[in-house]
Protein backbone atom coordinates (compact mmCIF):
# COMPACT_ATOMS: atom_id res chain seq x y z
CA MET A 1 106.85 -29.84 340.79
CA THR A 2 105.86 -26.32 339.96
CA ALA A 3 103.78 -23.88 342.11
CA HIS A 4 101.02 -24.11 339.39
CA SER A 5 100.94 -27.89 339.91
CA PHE A 6 100.85 -27.81 343.63
CA ILE A 7 98.15 -25.17 343.69
CA LEU A 8 96.00 -26.82 340.93
CA GLY A 9 96.49 -30.24 342.61
CA HIS A 10 94.37 -29.19 345.50
CA LEU A 11 91.56 -28.15 343.15
CA GLY A 12 90.88 -31.73 341.98
CA THR A 13 91.76 -34.19 339.25
CA ASP A 14 89.64 -32.54 336.65
CA VAL A 15 91.52 -29.31 336.92
CA THR A 16 94.94 -30.93 337.24
CA ALA A 17 94.16 -33.01 333.94
CA ALA A 18 93.15 -29.84 332.19
CA TYR A 19 96.34 -28.13 333.21
CA SER A 20 98.34 -30.97 332.05
CA VAL A 21 96.83 -30.84 328.63
CA THR A 22 97.07 -27.02 328.26
CA SER A 23 100.59 -26.86 329.54
CA VAL A 24 101.71 -29.06 326.61
CA ALA A 25 99.76 -27.07 324.08
CA GLN A 26 101.24 -23.88 325.52
CA GLN A 27 104.69 -25.22 325.28
CA LEU A 28 104.26 -26.25 321.64
CA ILE A 29 102.85 -22.77 320.73
CA GLN A 30 105.74 -21.05 322.74
CA CYS A 31 108.20 -23.24 320.59
CA LEU A 32 106.63 -22.10 317.37
CA THR A 33 106.58 -18.38 318.30
CA GLN A 34 109.91 -18.41 319.81
CA GLY A 35 111.45 -20.05 316.65
CA ILE A 36 109.88 -17.43 314.50
CA SER A 37 110.96 -14.59 316.59
CA GLY A 38 114.43 -15.83 316.61
CA GLY A 39 114.64 -16.33 312.92
CA ALA A 40 113.19 -12.75 312.58
CA GLY A 41 115.82 -11.23 314.80
CA ILE A 42 118.38 -12.88 312.68
CA ILE A 43 116.89 -11.70 309.37
CA ILE A 44 116.32 -8.13 310.57
CA GLY A 45 119.75 -7.90 312.02
CA GLN A 46 121.29 -8.86 308.74
CA LEU A 47 119.27 -6.26 307.06
CA LEU A 48 120.30 -3.59 309.45
CA GLY A 49 123.91 -4.62 309.23
CA GLU A 50 123.66 -4.22 305.46
CA ASN A 51 122.12 -0.82 306.12
CA LEU A 52 118.87 -1.69 304.32
CA LEU A 53 116.67 0.28 306.92
CA ASP A 54 113.55 0.32 304.67
CA GLU A 55 113.71 -3.34 304.04
CA ALA A 56 114.24 -4.09 307.62
CA LYS A 57 111.13 -1.97 308.56
CA ASN A 58 109.05 -3.87 305.90
CA MET A 59 110.27 -7.18 307.31
CA GLU A 60 109.34 -6.18 310.74
CA ASP A 61 105.89 -5.31 309.77
CA ASN A 62 105.54 -8.51 307.83
CA ILE A 63 106.78 -10.70 310.69
CA GLY A 64 104.63 -8.79 313.27
CA LYS A 65 101.48 -9.53 311.10
CA LEU A 66 102.60 -13.30 310.76
CA LEU A 67 103.09 -13.56 314.55
CA LEU A 68 99.71 -11.86 315.17
CA CYS A 69 97.96 -14.36 312.83
CA VAL A 70 99.77 -17.35 314.58
CA ASP A 71 98.80 -16.04 317.89
CA LEU A 72 95.05 -15.38 316.86
CA SER A 73 94.82 -18.84 315.23
CA MET A 74 96.12 -20.56 318.35
CA LEU A 75 93.70 -18.65 320.56
CA ASP A 76 90.62 -20.02 318.77
CA TRP A 77 91.30 -23.67 319.70
CA SER A 78 93.22 -23.30 322.80
CA ALA A 79 90.73 -21.25 324.86
CA PRO A 80 88.40 -24.13 325.70
CA LEU A 81 91.40 -26.16 326.93
CA ASP A 82 92.27 -23.56 329.46
CA PRO A 83 91.45 -24.78 332.92
CA TRP A 84 90.19 -21.46 334.10
CA TYR A 85 87.91 -21.11 330.97
CA THR A 86 85.06 -22.96 332.77
CA PHE A 87 85.47 -20.88 335.95
CA SER A 88 85.40 -17.63 334.17
CA MET A 89 82.18 -18.14 332.31
């Protein structure tokens, strides 16, 4: 049991259910971004090891743009699932 579960459990079943759904979605998104980031670190590390600094910089920019697009695309559908979304309106 996490601290979030303990606190949200006192807020009611609707909030607890919403938190359960969003935590799974968050974990899936986190796996995707961590996988891309890990692969990016390996690719950029290889380019730096081969002393291809310009290509490493270009790859860094491209991967940064990719991760930004992934994050923004996930934001569109995950915001309504956030249990605090209804409280902040």
